[in-house]
Amino acid sequence: MRSRGKEHRTLRAFAIILAIVCLIVIFQLYATLMVAAILLQIAFFLAVAFFLYLLWRERRGEISLWPARAQWAFYGAALVALTNLGLYFGARLFATHSLKIDGLTGVAWLLVFPLCGLAIWRAWREQHTYY
């Protein structure tokens, strides 16, 4: 026999979201919401940077044995991806005007991540392929 609480989990989740939205509108907490959004953006950027740091720290001994070209490609791609995120969040948080990422600029901004991922993967794969 099912309990009443487990029947409509999605409906209950939407009701909670609706209650939070109503509280924000009733008490006019728009500024607080913006501060929370900014803090979440900073936390996301720091989480990505920390994740990349942990990956590097775990494999730095192995990476130091690679040829210089592979190290430059690996570290350069990670730095470009992190800089791409940093410029976006930095422009949104600290600049007087926001960085508009739409149209061709948005496509170029989004293409940086898979290209950097491909460079990192190829550098790593090249060092782990045994003929």
N, C-alpha and C. Protein backbone atom coordinates (compact mmCIF):
# COMPACT_ATOMS: atom_id res chain seq x y z
N MET A 1 0.83 -1.17 0.00
CA MET A 1 0.00 0.00 0.00
C MET A 1 0.89 1.25 0.00
N ARG A 2 0.60 2.16 -0.88
CA ARG A 2 1.38 3.40 -1.00
C ARG A 2 0.91 4.44 0.01
N SER A 3 1.90 5.22 0.47
CA SER A 3 1.50 6.32 1.34
C SER A 3 1.14 7.52 0.47
N ARG A 4 0.43 8.47 1.03
CA ARG A 4 -0.06 9.63 0.28
C ARG A 4 1.08 10.51 -0.21
N GLY A 5 2.18 10.59 0.55
CA GLY A 5 3.28 11.48 0.20
C GLY A 5 4.07 11.04 -1.02
N LYS A 6 4.03 9.76 -1.33
CA LYS A 6 4.83 9.26 -2.44
C LYS A 6 4.08 9.22 -3.76
N GLU A 7 2.81 9.52 -3.76
CA GLU A 7 2.02 9.42 -4.98
C GLU A 7 2.34 10.53 -5.96
N HIS A 8 2.46 11.75 -5.47
CA HIS A 8 2.63 12.89 -6.36
C HIS A 8 3.87 13.69 -5.97
N ARG A 9 5.02 13.09 -6.17
CA ARG A 9 6.26 13.78 -5.81
C ARG A 9 6.49 15.01 -6.66
N THR A 10 6.22 14.92 -7.94
CA THR A 10 6.42 16.06 -8.83
C THR A 10 5.48 17.20 -8.46
N LEU A 11 4.25 16.88 -8.19
CA LEU A 11 3.29 17.91 -7.79
C LEU A 11 3.71 18.58 -6.49
N ARG A 12 4.19 17.79 -5.55
CA ARG A 12 4.67 18.35 -4.29
C ARG A 12 5.88 19.26 -4.52
N ALA A 13 6.79 18.87 -5.40
CA ALA A 13 7.97 19.69 -5.70
C ALA A 13 7.56 21.01 -6.34
N PHE A 14 6.62 20.97 -7.27
CA PHE A 14 6.15 22.21 -7.89
C PHE A 14 5.42 23.10 -6.88
N ALA A 15 4.71 22.49 -5.94
CA ALA A 15 4.04 23.28 -4.90
C ALA A 15 5.07 23.99 -4.01
N ILE A 16 6.17 23.33 -3.71
CA ILE A 16 7.23 23.95 -2.92
C ILE A 16 7.85 25.11 -3.68
N ILE A 17 8.12 24.90 -4.96
CA ILE A 17 8.68 25.98 -5.79
C ILE A 17 7.71 27.15 -5.86
N LEU A 18 6.44 26.88 -6.03
CA LEU A 18 5.42 27.93 -6.07
C LEU A 18 5.36 28.69 -4.74
N ALA A 19 5.47 27.98 -3.63
CA ALA A 19 5.46 28.64 -2.32
C ALA A 19 6.67 29.56 -2.16
N ILE A 20 7.84 29.13 -2.62
CA ILE A 20 9.04 29.97 -2.55
C ILE A 20 8.88 31.21 -3.41
N VAL A 21 8.34 31.04 -4.62
CA VAL A 21 8.12 32.19 -5.51
C VAL A 21 7.13 33.16 -4.89
N CYS A 22 6.07 32.65 -4.29
CA CYS A 22 5.08 33.53 -3.64
C CYS A 22 5.70 34.31 -2.49
N LEU A 23 6.56 33.67 -1.71
CA LEU A 23 7.24 34.37 -0.61
C LEU A 23 8.14 35.49 -1.14
N ILE A 24 8.84 35.22 -2.23
CA ILE A 24 9.72 36.23 -2.81
C ILE A 24 8.91 37.41 -3.31
N VAL A 25 7.78 37.15 -3.95
CA VAL A 25 6.94 38.24 -4.48
C VAL A 25 6.27 39.01 -3.35
N ILE A 26 5.73 38.31 -2.37
CA ILE A 26 5.02 38.97 -1.28
C ILE A 26 5.95 39.86 -0.46
N PHE A 27 7.13 39.35 -0.11
CA PHE A 27 8.04 40.12 0.73
C PHE A 27 9.04 40.95 -0.07
N GLN A 28 8.89 40.98 -1.39
CA GLN A 28 9.74 41.76 -2.30
C GLN A 28 11.23 41.50 -2.04
N LEU A 29 11.61 40.26 -2.16
CA LEU A 29 12.99 39.84 -1.90
C LEU A 29 13.80 39.72 -3.19
N TYR A 30 13.56 40.60 -4.14
CA TYR A 30 14.23 40.52 -5.43
C TYR A 30 15.74 40.75 -5.27
N ALA A 31 16.12 41.72 -4.45
CA ALA A 31 17.54 42.02 -4.25
C ALA A 31 18.24 40.83 -3.59
N THR A 32 17.56 40.22 -2.64
CA THR A 32 18.13 39.04 -1.98
C THR A 32 18.28 37.90 -2.96
N LEU A 33 17.35 37.75 -3.84
CA LEU A 33 17.41 36.71 -4.86
C LEU A 33 18.59 36.95 -5.80
N MET A 34 18.83 38.21 -6.15
CA MET A 34 19.96 38.53 -7.03
C MET A 34 21.29 38.25 -6.34
N VAL A 35 21.38 38.57 -5.06
CA VAL A 35 22.61 38.28 -4.31
C VAL A 35 22.83 36.77 -4.23
N ALA A 36 21.78 36.02 -4.01
CA ALA A 36 21.90 34.56 -3.96
C ALA A 36 22.34 34.01 -5.32
N ALA A 37 21.81 34.57 -6.41
CA ALA A 37 22.20 34.12 -7.75
C ALA A 37 23.67 34.43 -8.01
N ILE A 38 24.14 35.60 -7.58
CA ILE A 38 25.54 35.95 -7.76
C ILE A 38 26.44 35.02 -6.95
N LEU A 39 26.04 34.74 -5.73
CA LEU A 39 26.83 33.82 -4.90
C LEU A 39 26.88 32.42 -5.50
N LEU A 40 25.77 31.97 -6.09
CA LEU A 40 25.77 30.66 -6.74
C LEU A 40 26.67 30.64 -7.97
N GLN A 41 26.73 31.75 -8.71
CA GLN A 41 27.62 31.82 -9.87
C GLN A 41 29.08 31.75 -9.44
N ILE A 42 29.41 32.47 -8.38
CA ILE A 42 30.78 32.43 -7.86
C ILE A 42 31.12 31.02 -7.37
N ALA A 43 30.18 30.40 -6.67
CA ALA A 43 30.40 29.04 -6.16
C ALA A 43 30.58 28.05 -7.31
N PHE A 44 29.82 28.20 -8.39
CA PHE A 44 29.96 27.30 -9.53
C PHE A 44 31.33 27.46 -10.16
N PHE A 45 31.78 28.70 -10.35
CA PHE A 45 33.10 28.94 -10.94
C PHE A 45 34.20 28.35 -10.06
N LEU A 46 34.10 28.55 -8.76
CA LEU A 46 35.09 28.00 -7.84
C LEU A 46 35.06 26.47 -7.82
N ALA A 47 33.88 25.89 -7.97
CA ALA A 47 33.77 24.42 -8.01
C ALA A 47 34.45 23.86 -9.24
N VAL A 48 34.28 24.51 -10.39
CA VAL A 48 34.95 24.06 -11.61
C VAL A 48 36.46 24.17 -11.46
N ALA A 49 36.93 25.30 -10.93
CA ALA A 49 38.36 25.49 -10.72
C ALA A 49 38.92 24.46 -9.75
N PHE A 50 38.19 24.17 -8.69
CA PHE A 50 38.64 23.19 -7.71
C PHE A 50 38.68 21.79 -8.30
N PHE A 51 37.69 21.45 -9.12
CA PHE A 51 37.67 20.15 -9.79
C PHE A 51 38.88 19.99 -10.70
N LEU A 52 39.20 21.03 -11.47
CA LEU A 52 40.37 20.96 -12.35
C LEU A 52 41.65 20.85 -11.52
N TYR A 53 41.70 21.55 -10.40
CA TYR A 53 42.86 21.45 -9.52
C TYR A 53 43.02 20.04 -8.97
N LEU A 54 41.92 19.42 -8.56
CA LEU A 54 42.00 18.05 -8.03
C LEU A 54 42.46 17.07 -9.10
N LEU A 55 41.97 17.25 -10.33
CA LEU A 55 42.43 16.38 -11.41
C LEU A 55 43.93 16.53 -11.64
N TRP A 56 44.39 17.78 -11.63
CA TRP A 56 45.81 18.03 -11.83
C TRP A 56 46.63 17.44 -10.68
N ARG A 57 46.19 17.66 -9.45
CA ARG A 57 46.94 17.21 -8.29
C ARG A 57 47.08 15.70 -8.25
N GLU A 58 46.03 15.02 -8.69
CA GLU A 58 46.05 13.57 -8.67
C GLU A 58 47.03 13.00 -9.69
N ARG A 59 47.21 13.69 -10.81
CA ARG A 59 48.04 13.16 -11.89
C ARG A 59 49.26 14.02 -12.23
N ARG A 60 49.68 14.91 -11.35
CA ARG A 60 50.78 15.82 -11.69
C ARG A 60 52.10 15.08 -11.88
N GLY A 61 52.31 14.00 -11.14
CA GLY A 61 53.54 13.22 -11.32
C GLY A 61 53.60 12.58 -12.70
N GLU A 62 52.48 12.06 -13.13
CA GLU A 62 52.40 11.44 -14.46
C GLU A 62 52.54 12.49 -15.56
N ILE A 63 51.89 13.63 -15.38
CA ILE A 63 51.92 14.69 -16.40
C ILE A 63 53.32 15.27 -16.52
N SER A 64 54.08 15.32 -15.42
CA SER A 64 55.42 15.88 -15.49
C SER A 64 56.36 15.02 -16.33
N LEU A 65 56.01 13.77 -16.57
CA LEU A 65 56.83 12.89 -17.39
C LEU A 65 56.52 13.02 -18.88
N TRP A 66 55.45 13.71 -19.23
CA TRP A 66 55.07 13.88 -20.62
C TRP A 66 56.05 14.81 -21.33
N PRO A 67 56.09 14.75 -22.66
CA PRO A 67 56.89 15.73 -23.41
C PRO A 67 56.32 17.14 -23.23
N ALA A 68 57.16 18.13 -23.49
CA ALA A 68 56.77 19.53 -23.27
C ALA A 68 55.55 19.91 -24.12
N ARG A 69 55.49 19.43 -25.36
CA ARG A 69 54.36 19.76 -26.24
C ARG A 69 53.03 19.29 -25.66
N ALA A 70 53.02 18.07 -25.14
CA ALA A 70 51.79 17.53 -24.56
C ALA A 70 51.42 18.28 -23.29
N GLN A 71 52.40 18.66 -22.49
CA GLN A 71 52.11 19.44 -21.28
C GLN A 71 51.53 20.80 -21.63
N TRP A 72 52.12 21.47 -22.63
CA TRP A 72 51.61 22.78 -23.05
C TRP A 72 50.17 22.67 -23.56
N ALA A 73 49.90 21.64 -24.35
CA ALA A 73 48.54 21.47 -24.88
C ALA A 73 47.56 21.18 -23.76
N PHE A 74 47.94 20.33 -22.84
CA PHE A 74 47.06 19.94 -21.74
C PHE A 74 46.77 21.13 -20.83
N TYR A 75 47.82 21.77 -20.34
CA TYR A 75 47.63 22.90 -19.42
C TYR A 75 47.03 24.11 -20.13
N GLY A 76 47.41 24.32 -21.38
CA GLY A 76 46.86 25.45 -22.13
C GLY A 76 45.37 25.32 -22.35
N ALA A 77 44.91 24.13 -22.69
CA ALA A 77 43.48 23.91 -22.92
C ALA A 77 42.68 24.10 -21.62
N ALA A 78 43.21 23.59 -20.51
CA ALA A 78 42.53 23.76 -19.23
C ALA A 78 42.48 25.24 -18.85
N LEU A 79 43.57 25.96 -19.08
CA LEU A 79 43.62 27.38 -18.75
C LEU A 79 42.67 28.20 -19.63
N VAL A 80 42.59 27.86 -20.92
CA VAL A 80 41.68 28.59 -21.82
C VAL A 80 40.21 28.35 -21.41
N ALA A 81 39.87 27.12 -21.07
CA ALA A 81 38.49 26.83 -20.65
C ALA A 81 38.15 27.56 -19.36
N LEU A 82 39.07 27.56 -18.40
CA LEU A 82 38.82 28.26 -17.15
C LEU A 82 38.77 29.77 -17.35
N THR A 83 39.61 30.30 -18.23
CA THR A 83 39.58 31.73 -18.53
C THR A 83 38.28 32.10 -19.23
N ASN A 84 37.80 31.24 -20.10
CA ASN A 84 36.53 31.49 -20.79
C ASN A 84 35.39 31.61 -19.78
N LEU A 85 35.34 30.71 -18.82
CA LEU A 85 34.33 30.80 -17.76
C LEU A 85 34.55 32.03 -16.89
N GLY A 86 35.80 32.30 -16.55
CA GLY A 86 36.13 33.44 -15.71
C GLY A 86 35.75 34.77 -16.34
N LEU A 87 35.99 34.91 -17.63
CA LEU A 87 35.61 36.14 -18.32
C LEU A 87 34.10 36.32 -18.32
N TYR A 88 33.37 35.25 -18.53
CA TYR A 88 31.92 35.34 -18.55
C TYR A 88 31.38 35.75 -17.18
N PHE A 89 31.80 35.01 -16.14
CA PHE A 89 31.30 35.32 -14.80
C PHE A 89 31.84 36.64 -14.30
N GLY A 90 33.09 36.96 -14.61
CA GLY A 90 33.67 38.22 -14.18
C GLY A 90 32.97 39.41 -14.82
N ALA A 91 32.65 39.30 -16.11
CA ALA A 91 31.95 40.38 -16.79
C ALA A 91 30.54 40.55 -16.24
N ARG A 92 29.91 39.47 -15.86
CA ARG A 92 28.55 39.56 -15.31
C ARG A 92 28.56 40.11 -13.90
N LEU A 93 29.61 39.82 -13.12
CA LEU A 93 29.61 40.21 -11.72
C LEU A 93 30.26 41.56 -11.46
N PHE A 94 31.35 41.87 -12.16
CA PHE A 94 32.16 43.02 -11.78
C PHE A 94 32.19 44.15 -12.80
N ALA A 95 31.70 43.93 -14.00
CA ALA A 95 31.78 44.96 -15.04
C ALA A 95 30.57 45.89 -14.97
N THR A 96 30.73 47.06 -15.56
CA THR A 96 29.62 48.00 -15.60
C THR A 96 28.59 47.59 -16.65
N HIS A 97 29.01 46.84 -17.65
CA HIS A 97 28.08 46.33 -18.65
C HIS A 97 28.27 44.82 -18.75
N SER A 98 27.20 44.11 -19.02
CA SER A 98 27.29 42.66 -19.08
C SER A 98 27.79 42.21 -20.44
N LEU A 99 28.44 41.07 -20.43
CA LEU A 99 28.94 40.46 -21.64
C LEU A 99 27.78 39.77 -22.33
N LYS A 100 27.48 40.17 -23.55
CA LYS A 100 26.36 39.56 -24.26
C LYS A 100 26.87 38.35 -25.03
N ILE A 101 26.34 37.21 -24.67
CA ILE A 101 26.71 35.98 -25.36
C ILE A 101 25.50 35.52 -26.14
N ASP A 102 25.41 36.00 -27.36
CA ASP A 102 24.30 35.62 -28.23
C ASP A 102 24.81 35.62 -29.67
N GLY A 103 24.11 34.95 -30.52
CA GLY A 103 24.50 34.90 -31.92
C GLY A 103 25.83 34.19 -32.12
N LEU A 104 26.66 34.76 -32.98
CA LEU A 104 27.96 34.16 -33.27
C LEU A 104 28.89 34.21 -32.07
N THR A 105 28.75 35.24 -31.25
CA THR A 105 29.57 35.30 -30.03
C THR A 105 29.24 34.13 -29.12
N GLY A 106 27.97 33.81 -28.99
CA GLY A 106 27.56 32.68 -28.17
C GLY A 106 28.05 31.35 -28.72
N VAL A 107 27.99 31.21 -30.03
CA VAL A 107 28.47 29.98 -30.65
C VAL A 107 29.97 29.83 -30.41
N ALA A 108 30.72 30.92 -30.60
CA ALA A 108 32.16 30.88 -30.37
C ALA A 108 32.47 30.58 -28.91
N TRP A 109 31.71 31.21 -27.99
CA TRP A 109 31.94 30.99 -26.57
C TRP A 109 31.66 29.53 -26.20
N LEU A 110 30.61 28.97 -26.75
CA LEU A 110 30.27 27.57 -26.45
C LEU A 110 31.22 26.58 -27.11
N LEU A 111 31.77 26.92 -28.27
CA LEU A 111 32.69 26.01 -28.95
C LEU A 111 34.04 25.90 -28.24
N VAL A 112 34.37 26.87 -27.41
CA VAL A 112 35.65 26.81 -26.69
C VAL A 112 35.71 25.56 -25.81
N PHE A 113 34.62 25.22 -25.15
CA PHE A 113 34.64 24.11 -24.21
C PHE A 113 34.87 22.75 -24.87
N PRO A 114 34.14 22.40 -25.94
CA PRO A 114 34.44 21.11 -26.56
C PRO A 114 35.83 21.08 -27.20
N LEU A 115 36.28 22.22 -27.74
CA LEU A 115 37.61 22.24 -28.34
C LEU A 115 38.70 22.07 -27.28
N CYS A 116 38.52 22.70 -26.14
CA CYS A 116 39.48 22.51 -25.05
C CYS A 116 39.42 21.07 -24.52
N GLY A 117 38.22 20.54 -24.40
CA GLY A 117 38.08 19.15 -23.99
C GLY A 117 38.75 18.19 -24.96
N LEU A 118 38.61 18.48 -26.25
CA LEU A 118 39.26 17.64 -27.26
C LEU A 118 40.77 17.73 -27.15
N ALA A 119 41.31 18.93 -26.92
CA ALA A 119 42.76 19.09 -26.79
C ALA A 119 43.28 18.35 -25.56
N ILE A 120 42.54 18.44 -24.45
CA ILE A 120 42.94 17.73 -23.24
C ILE A 120 42.88 16.22 -23.47
N TRP A 121 41.81 15.76 -24.06
CA TRP A 121 41.65 14.32 -24.31
C TRP A 121 42.73 13.81 -25.25
N ARG A 122 43.03 14.55 -26.33
CA ARG A 122 44.06 14.11 -27.28
C ARG A 122 45.44 14.08 -26.66
N ALA A 123 45.76 15.09 -25.83
CA ALA A 123 47.07 15.09 -25.17
C ALA A 123 47.18 13.90 -24.22
N TRP A 124 46.11 13.64 -23.47
CA TRP A 124 46.14 12.51 -22.55
C TRP A 124 46.20 11.19 -23.31
N ARG A 125 45.38 11.06 -24.35
CA ARG A 125 45.32 9.81 -25.12
C ARG A 125 46.62 9.52 -25.84
N GLU A 126 47.28 10.58 -26.34
CA GLU A 126 48.54 10.42 -27.04
C GLU A 126 49.62 9.84 -26.10
N GLN A 127 49.55 10.21 -24.83
CA GLN A 127 50.53 9.72 -23.87
C GLN A 127 50.18 8.34 -23.32
N HIS A 128 48.96 7.88 -23.56
CA HIS A 128 48.54 6.58 -23.05
C HIS A 128 48.27 5.56 -24.15
N THR A 129 48.69 5.84 -25.36
CA THR A 129 48.54 4.89 -26.46
C THR A 129 49.86 4.16 -26.63
N TYR A 130 49.80 2.87 -26.56
CA TYR A 130 51.01 2.05 -26.69
C TYR A 130 50.90 1.25 -27.98
N TYR A 131 51.82 1.50 -28.88
CA TYR A 131 51.78 0.85 -30.20
C TYR A 131 52.46 -0.48 -30.16
